[in-house]
Every structure is written in C-alpha cells, then in structure tokens.
Amino acid sequence: MVAMGAETLQDRVGHHVDGGDGGVPDLIWLVRFSIDDGKVARFSVDLAGFEGLNATVGRAVSPGFNLTAEVENPRALVPWCSVGGQAVVSYGGVSLAWAPVPGFCAPRKGAAELAVAAKGSGVGLSDDLRRRFVAEWNAGTARVVPGMKLFYDGNGWSGTCAYQGVSLVRRELALLGQGAT
C-alpha cells in the first residue's frame, strides 16, 4: 500500500494500488494520480457586451449580456470537460439575465473559451434598486456579477477530490459606457 499522509492512495481512489488483483490498471491509477492529482483547472468569466441597461432603466428591464468564459486545464493526462451548466448575471442580488451553458472540454494542458448570451425578460426592479442603479450608472460605478455554474464530467475517470461536483466562477465587473451624458 502506498501511504499518503493520514490516508492511503487506496482510500482516495477506492481500490487497491498495491499490484494485487488489478495489476496494470492499478499502475495506471498510480501514474495518473502522481502526475495530475491536485492540479486544479482555473476559471474566468468576463463581460464582452450588454444591452438593455442604462440610466433611464424602468421598473422592468429585459437586458442581454454577452459573456465569455475560459477554462485553463493544467492536467497532462485528461481533458477537463463540463456537461454544461448555468450562467446568471445579477445586480444587487437580483438575477437580471440567465442562460444555459453548453457542454465543452478544455484539452490536456490547454484552454477552452466559450461565449454565452444571457437574456432577461421583464425583470422587476424595486424602486430602491432602480434608484441605486441610476445613481451608480451616472457616477460610472455600476457593476454586475456574472456567474457560471459548471458541472464536471469525469471523462470516464473517477474524479479526483479537486474535480468532484460543481465548479462555480463569478466576479464583479463594471459596465462599460456608463456615466453622466
């Protein structure tokens, strides 16, 4: 048994790695984990453009946001793949626009970029939130929070601890073109 701190490699991968019953498959797991275990993909999301929001925003808005997302995969043996997910753009805790994120893969030791068009329709804003948005827009400080939830696909491999479940990427971004006119 190969010991790794308080837990064994067997505990982490769920089967024997000591050359027991599996032989070659065990060796493959050992090599994979020694090369790629702990290497975590890096995610980013950016705002490429938007429409339907400005200083004359009404009580209901129907904005559109063009988002770009990038995933950088540091792993040498396996691509990082998502079976899809959801994108949401919010302001002041209110979801303004949303869209499904299609499935995609970042190649081994490579990156993938994708574009997502998030749209909202008839989203209601409270009077306080609308006034705050108009004041921030006129001051040039209005910011939205685009976020993406990506569901990981193990590509036939059992996920490592770093890749199990869902990846969430979000950041606060300024709206370009704002300010008093």
C-alpha atoms as a PDB file:
ATOM      1  CA  MET A   1       0.000   0.000   0.000  1.00  0.00           C
ATOM      2  CA  VAL A   2       1.270   3.492  -0.856  1.00  0.00           C
ATOM      3  CA  ALA A   3       0.762   5.808   2.121  1.00  0.00           C
ATOM      4  CA  MET A   4      -0.120   9.468   1.579  1.00  0.00           C
ATOM      5  CA  GLY A   5      -0.216  11.273   4.913  1.00  0.00           C
ATOM      6  CA  ALA A   6      -3.107  10.116   7.088  1.00  0.00           C
ATOM      7  CA  GLU A   7      -4.912   8.487   4.169  1.00  0.00           C
ATOM      8  CA  THR A   8      -3.755   5.941   1.637  1.00  0.00           C
ATOM      9  CA  LEU A   9      -3.914   6.186  -2.113  1.00  0.00           C
ATOM     10  CA  GLN A  10      -6.354   3.289  -1.929  1.00  0.00           C
ATOM     11  CA  ASP A  11      -8.657   5.454   0.207  1.00  0.00           C
ATOM     12  CA  ARG A  12      -8.513   8.232  -2.387  1.00  0.00           C
ATOM     13  CA  VAL A  13      -9.156   6.119  -5.497  1.00  0.00           C
ATOM     14  CA  GLY A  14     -11.362   3.467  -3.925  1.00  0.00           C
ATOM     15  CA  HIS A  15      -9.455   0.292  -4.885  1.00  0.00           C
ATOM     16  CA  HIS A  16      -6.128  -1.489  -4.369  1.00  0.00           C
ATOM     17  CA  VAL A  17      -2.979   0.004  -5.868  1.00  0.00           C
ATOM     18  CA  ASP A  18      -0.508  -2.498  -4.476  1.00  0.00           C
ATOM     19  CA  GLY A  19      -0.306  -4.749  -7.529  1.00  0.00           C
ATOM     20  CA  GLY A  20      -2.990  -7.028  -6.075  1.00  0.00           C
ATOM     21  CA  ASP A  21      -5.896  -8.050  -8.233  1.00  0.00           C
ATOM     22  CA  GLY A  22      -5.708  -5.153 -10.684  1.00  0.00           C
ATOM     23  CA  GLY A  23      -2.061  -5.236 -11.839  1.00  0.00           C
ATOM     24  CA  VAL A  24      -1.766  -2.887 -14.825  1.00  0.00           C
ATOM     25  CA  PRO A  25      -4.948  -0.900 -14.047  1.00  0.00           C
ATOM     26  CA  ASP A  26      -3.552  -0.219 -10.590  1.00  0.00           C
ATOM     27  CA  LEU A  27      -0.317   1.060 -12.097  1.00  0.00           C
ATOM     28  CA  ILE A  28      -2.281   3.337 -14.449  1.00  0.00           C
ATOM     29  CA  TRP A  29      -4.157   4.837 -11.494  1.00  0.00           C
ATOM     30  CA  LEU A  30      -0.928   5.355  -9.575  1.00  0.00           C
ATOM     31  CA  VAL A  31       0.724   7.133 -12.528  1.00  0.00           C
ATOM     32  CA  ARG A  32      -2.337   9.274 -13.191  1.00  0.00           C
ATOM     33  CA  PHE A  33      -2.624  10.396  -9.597  1.00  0.00           C
ATOM     34  CA  SER A  34       1.085  11.106  -9.254  1.00  0.00           C
ATOM     35  CA  ILE A  35       1.034  13.291 -12.391  1.00  0.00           C
ATOM     36  CA  ASP A  36      -2.342  15.053 -12.262  1.00  0.00           C
ATOM     37  CA  ASP A  37      -3.694  14.779  -8.710  1.00  0.00           C
ATOM     38  CA  GLY A  38      -4.136  18.194  -7.150  1.00  0.00           C
ATOM     39  CA  LYS A  39      -3.858  20.091 -10.427  1.00  0.00           C
ATOM     40  CA  VAL A  40      -6.918  22.295 -10.482  1.00  0.00           C
ATOM     41  CA  ALA A  41      -8.375  23.995 -13.539  1.00  0.00           C
ATOM     42  CA  ARG A  42      -8.546  27.803 -13.480  1.00  0.00           C
ATOM     43  CA  PHE A  43     -11.758  29.529 -14.499  1.00  0.00           C
ATOM     44  CA  SER A  44     -12.602  33.071 -15.520  1.00  0.00           C
ATOM     45  CA  VAL A  45     -15.708  34.851 -16.744  1.00  0.00           C
ATOM     46  CA  ASP A  46     -15.811  38.249 -18.447  1.00  0.00           C
ATOM     47  CA  LEU A  47     -18.444  40.610 -19.769  1.00  0.00           C
ATOM     48  CA  ALA A  48     -17.989  41.120 -23.523  1.00  0.00           C
ATOM     49  CA  GLY A  49     -21.029  43.374 -24.000  1.00  0.00           C
ATOM     50  CA  PHE A  50     -24.537  44.183 -22.841  1.00  0.00           C
ATOM     51  CA  GLU A  51     -27.772  45.883 -23.876  1.00  0.00           C
ATOM     52  CA  GLY A  52     -30.988  46.954 -22.229  1.00  0.00           C
ATOM     53  CA  LEU A  53     -29.498  48.737 -19.203  1.00  0.00           C
ATOM     54  CA  ASN A  54     -28.758  52.456 -18.887  1.00  0.00           C
ATOM     55  CA  ALA A  55     -29.511  55.466 -16.697  1.00  0.00           C
ATOM     56  CA  THR A  56     -33.152  55.516 -17.825  1.00  0.00           C
ATOM     57  CA  VAL A  57     -33.859  51.993 -16.608  1.00  0.00           C
ATOM     58  CA  GLY A  58     -37.519  51.388 -15.823  1.00  0.00           C
ATOM     59  CA  ARG A  59     -39.219  49.226 -13.212  1.00  0.00           C
ATOM     60  CA  ALA A  60     -38.918  46.215 -15.512  1.00  0.00           C
ATOM     61  CA  VAL A  61     -35.857  45.510 -17.647  1.00  0.00           C
ATOM     62  CA  SER A  62     -35.050  42.983 -20.366  1.00  0.00           C
ATOM     63  CA  PRO A  63     -31.257  43.092 -20.555  1.00  0.00           C
ATOM     64  CA  GLY A  64     -28.887  40.957 -22.556  1.00  0.00           C
ATOM     65  CA  PHE A  65     -25.281  40.162 -21.652  1.00  0.00           C
ATOM     66  CA  ASN A  66     -22.586  38.566 -23.772  1.00  0.00           C
ATOM     67  CA  LEU A  67     -20.298  36.574 -21.507  1.00  0.00           C
ATOM     68  CA  THR A  68     -17.018  34.852 -22.270  1.00  0.00           C
ATOM     69  CA  ALA A  69     -15.679  32.098 -20.077  1.00  0.00           C
ATOM     70  CA  GLU A  70     -12.282  30.451 -20.136  1.00  0.00           C
ATOM     71  CA  VAL A  71     -11.108  27.243 -18.517  1.00  0.00           C
ATOM     72  CA  GLU A  72      -7.373  26.508 -18.319  1.00  0.00           C
ATOM     73  CA  ASN A  73      -6.641  22.819 -17.724  1.00  0.00           C
ATOM     74  CA  PRO A  74      -3.194  22.092 -16.205  1.00  0.00           C
ATOM     75  CA  ARG A  75      -3.634  18.304 -16.306  1.00  0.00           C
ATOM     76  CA  ALA A  76      -1.376  16.335 -18.655  1.00  0.00           C
ATOM     77  CA  LEU A  77      -3.405  13.141 -18.974  1.00  0.00           C
ATOM     78  CA  VAL A  78      -7.082  14.043 -19.072  1.00  0.00           C
ATOM     79  CA  PRO A  79      -9.080  16.900 -20.617  1.00  0.00           C
ATOM     80  CA  TRP A  80     -11.328  18.933 -18.303  1.00  0.00           C
ATOM     81  CA  CYS A  81     -14.903  18.587 -19.544  1.00  0.00           C
ATOM     82  CA  SER A  82     -18.173  20.098 -18.435  1.00  0.00           C
ATOM     83  CA  VAL A  83     -21.523  18.579 -19.349  1.00  0.00           C
ATOM     84  CA  GLY A  84     -22.930  22.116 -19.235  1.00  0.00           C
ATOM     85  CA  GLY A  85     -24.270  24.403 -16.584  1.00  0.00           C
ATOM     86  CA  GLN A  86     -25.994  27.714 -15.954  1.00  0.00           C
ATOM     87  CA  ALA A  87     -24.975  31.348 -16.325  1.00  0.00           C
ATOM     88  CA  VAL A  88     -26.596  34.165 -14.352  1.00  0.00           C
ATOM     89  CA  VAL A  89     -25.913  37.907 -14.332  1.00  0.00           C
ATOM     90  CA  SER A  90     -27.107  39.760 -11.249  1.00  0.00           C
ATOM     91  CA  TYR A  91     -27.188  43.256  -9.811  1.00  0.00           C
ATOM     92  CA  GLY A  92     -27.891  43.957  -6.145  1.00  0.00           C
ATOM     93  CA  GLY A  93     -28.805  40.319  -5.576  1.00  0.00           C
ATOM     94  CA  VAL A  94     -31.411  40.316  -8.379  1.00  0.00           C
ATOM     95  CA  SER A  95     -30.931  37.971 -11.347  1.00  0.00           C
ATOM     96  CA  LEU A  96     -31.123  40.154 -14.457  1.00  0.00           C
ATOM     97  CA  ALA A  97     -30.341  37.560 -17.142  1.00  0.00           C
ATOM     98  CA  TRP A  98     -29.639  33.849 -17.425  1.00  0.00           C
ATOM     99  CA  ALA A  99     -28.757  31.174 -19.961  1.00  0.00           C
ATOM    100  CA  PRO A 100     -27.730  27.548 -20.179  1.00  0.00           C
ATOM    101  CA  VAL A 101     -24.006  26.904 -20.638  1.00  0.00           C
ATOM    102  CA  PRO A 102     -23.326  24.259 -23.298  1.00  0.00           C
ATOM    103  CA  GLY A 103     -21.045  21.305 -22.639  1.00  0.00           C
ATOM    104  CA  PHE A 104     -17.394  21.761 -23.613  1.00  0.00           C
ATOM    105  CA  CYS A 105     -13.889  20.404 -22.976  1.00  0.00           C
ATOM    106  CA  ALA A 106     -10.545  22.060 -22.258  1.00  0.00           C
ATOM    107  CA  PRO A 107      -7.840  19.843 -23.782  1.00  0.00           C
ATOM    108  CA  ARG A 108      -4.966  18.354 -21.800  1.00  0.00           C
ATOM    109  CA  LYS A 109      -2.581  21.134 -20.769  1.00  0.00           C
ATOM    110  CA  GLY A 110      -4.737  23.564 -22.764  1.00  0.00           C
ATOM    111  CA  ALA A 111      -7.608  26.010 -22.558  1.00  0.00           C
ATOM    112  CA  ALA A 112     -11.127  26.382 -23.886  1.00  0.00           C
ATOM    113  CA  GLU A 113     -13.091  29.579 -24.358  1.00  0.00           C
ATOM    114  CA  LEU A 114     -16.801  29.819 -24.915  1.00  0.00           C
ATOM    115  CA  ALA A 115     -19.364  32.552 -25.395  1.00  0.00           C
ATOM    116  CA  VAL A 116     -22.742  32.592 -23.658  1.00  0.00           C
ATOM    117  CA  ALA A 117     -25.575  35.043 -24.378  1.00  0.00           C
ATOM    118  CA  ALA A 118     -27.617  35.581 -21.203  1.00  0.00           C
ATOM    119  CA  LYS A 119     -31.021  37.248 -21.581  1.00  0.00           C
ATOM    120  CA  GLY A 120     -33.613  38.501 -19.142  1.00  0.00           C
ATOM    121  CA  SER A 121     -37.219  39.402 -19.880  1.00  0.00           C
ATOM    122  CA  GLY A 122     -39.408  41.704 -17.809  1.00  0.00           C
ATOM    123  CA  VAL A 123     -37.213  41.521 -14.703  1.00  0.00           C
ATOM    124  CA  GLY A 124     -38.766  43.673 -11.991  1.00  0.00           C
ATOM    125  CA  LEU A 125     -36.594  46.105 -10.038  1.00  0.00           C
ATOM    126  CA  SER A 126     -37.685  47.665  -6.772  1.00  0.00           C
ATOM    127  CA  ASP A 127     -37.757  51.472  -6.667  1.00  0.00           C
ATOM    128  CA  ASP A 128     -34.766  51.469  -4.295  1.00  0.00           C
ATOM    129  CA  LEU A 129     -32.720  49.167  -6.527  1.00  0.00           C
ATOM    130  CA  ARG A 130     -33.638  51.165  -9.638  1.00  0.00           C
ATOM    131  CA  ARG A 131     -32.625  54.466  -7.963  1.00  0.00           C
ATOM    132  CA  ARG A 132     -29.361  52.899  -6.789  1.00  0.00           C
ATOM    133  CA  PHE A 133     -28.607  51.608 -10.290  1.00  0.00           C
ATOM    134  CA  VAL A 134     -29.308  55.013 -11.887  1.00  0.00           C
ATOM    135  CA  ALA A 135     -27.095  56.788  -9.310  1.00  0.00           C
ATOM    136  CA  GLU A 136     -24.261  54.284  -9.821  1.00  0.00           C
ATOM    137  CA  TRP A 137     -24.640  54.452 -13.617  1.00  0.00           C
ATOM    138  CA  ASN A 138     -24.411  58.258 -13.591  1.00  0.00           C
ATOM    139  CA  ALA A 139     -21.371  58.100 -11.275  1.00  0.00           C
ATOM    140  CA  GLY A 140     -19.732  55.496 -13.529  1.00  0.00           C
ATOM    141  CA  THR A 141     -19.643  52.866 -10.774  1.00  0.00           C
ATOM    142  CA  ALA A 142     -22.440  50.415 -11.698  1.00  0.00           C
ATOM    143  CA  ARG A 143     -21.264  46.809 -11.550  1.00  0.00           C
ATOM    144  CA  VAL A 144     -22.904  43.472 -12.280  1.00  0.00           C
ATOM    145  CA  VAL A 145     -21.960  39.989 -11.125  1.00  0.00           C
ATOM    146  CA  PRO A 146     -21.812  37.386 -13.888  1.00  0.00           C
ATOM    147  CA  GLY A 147     -21.516  33.838 -12.636  1.00  0.00           C
ATOM    148  CA  MET A 148     -21.357  30.367 -14.139  1.00  0.00           C
ATOM    149  CA  LYS A 149     -22.038  27.032 -12.525  1.00  0.00           C
ATOM    150  CA  LEU A 150     -20.283  24.259 -14.487  1.00  0.00           C
ATOM    151  CA  PHE A 151     -20.988  20.562 -13.957  1.00  0.00           C
ATOM    152  CA  TYR A 152     -17.849  18.427 -14.236  1.00  0.00           C
ATOM    153  CA  ASP A 153     -17.749  15.331 -16.450  1.00  0.00           C
ATOM    154  CA  GLY A 154     -15.090  12.835 -15.360  1.00  0.00           C
ATOM    155  CA  ASN A 155     -14.483  11.630 -18.954  1.00  0.00           C
ATOM    156  CA  GLY A 156     -14.701   8.032 -17.779  1.00  0.00           C
ATOM    157  CA  TRP A 157     -12.184   8.627 -14.965  1.00  0.00           C
ATOM    158  CA  SER A 158     -13.193   8.796 -11.345  1.00  0.00           C
ATOM    159  CA  GLY A 159     -12.981  12.401 -10.268  1.00  0.00           C
ATOM    160  CA  THR A 160     -10.170  13.462  -8.012  1.00  0.00           C
ATOM    161  CA  CYS A 161     -11.026  15.479  -4.933  1.00  0.00           C
ATOM    162  CA  ALA A 162     -10.183  18.633  -6.888  1.00  0.00           C
ATOM    163  CA  TYR A 163     -12.732  17.833  -9.600  1.00  0.00           C
ATOM    164  CA  GLN A 164     -15.781  16.350  -7.924  1.00  0.00           C
ATOM    165  CA  GLY A 165     -19.128  18.087  -8.262  1.00  0.00           C
ATOM    166  CA  VAL A 166     -19.710  21.601  -9.473  1.00  0.00           C
ATOM    167  CA  SER A 167     -17.361  24.474 -10.290  1.00  0.00           C
ATOM    168  CA  LEU A 168     -18.648  27.989  -9.672  1.00  0.00           C
ATOM    169  CA  VAL A 169     -16.960  31.046 -11.111  1.00  0.00           C
ATOM    170  CA  ARG A 170     -18.212  34.573 -10.521  1.00  0.00           C
ATOM    171  CA  ARG A 171     -16.799  38.041 -10.286  1.00  0.00           C
ATOM    172  CA  GLU A 172     -17.980  41.618 -10.065  1.00  0.00           C
ATOM    173  CA  LEU A 173     -17.477  43.592 -13.296  1.00  0.00           C
ATOM    174  CA  ALA A 174     -18.017  47.220 -14.282  1.00  0.00           C
ATOM    175  CA  LEU A 175     -20.491  48.085 -17.028  1.00  0.00           C
ATOM    176  CA  LEU A 176     -18.620  49.826 -19.826  1.00  0.00           C
ATOM    177  CA  GLY A 177     -20.010  53.021 -21.379  1.00  0.00           C
ATOM    178  CA  GLN A 178     -21.696  54.338 -18.259  1.00  0.00           C
ATOM    179  CA  GLY A 179     -21.529  57.806 -16.798  1.00  0.00           C
ATOM    180  CA  ALA A 180     -23.443  61.056 -16.984  1.00  0.00           C
ATOM    181  CA  THR A 181     -24.307  62.108 -20.520  1.00  0.00           C
END
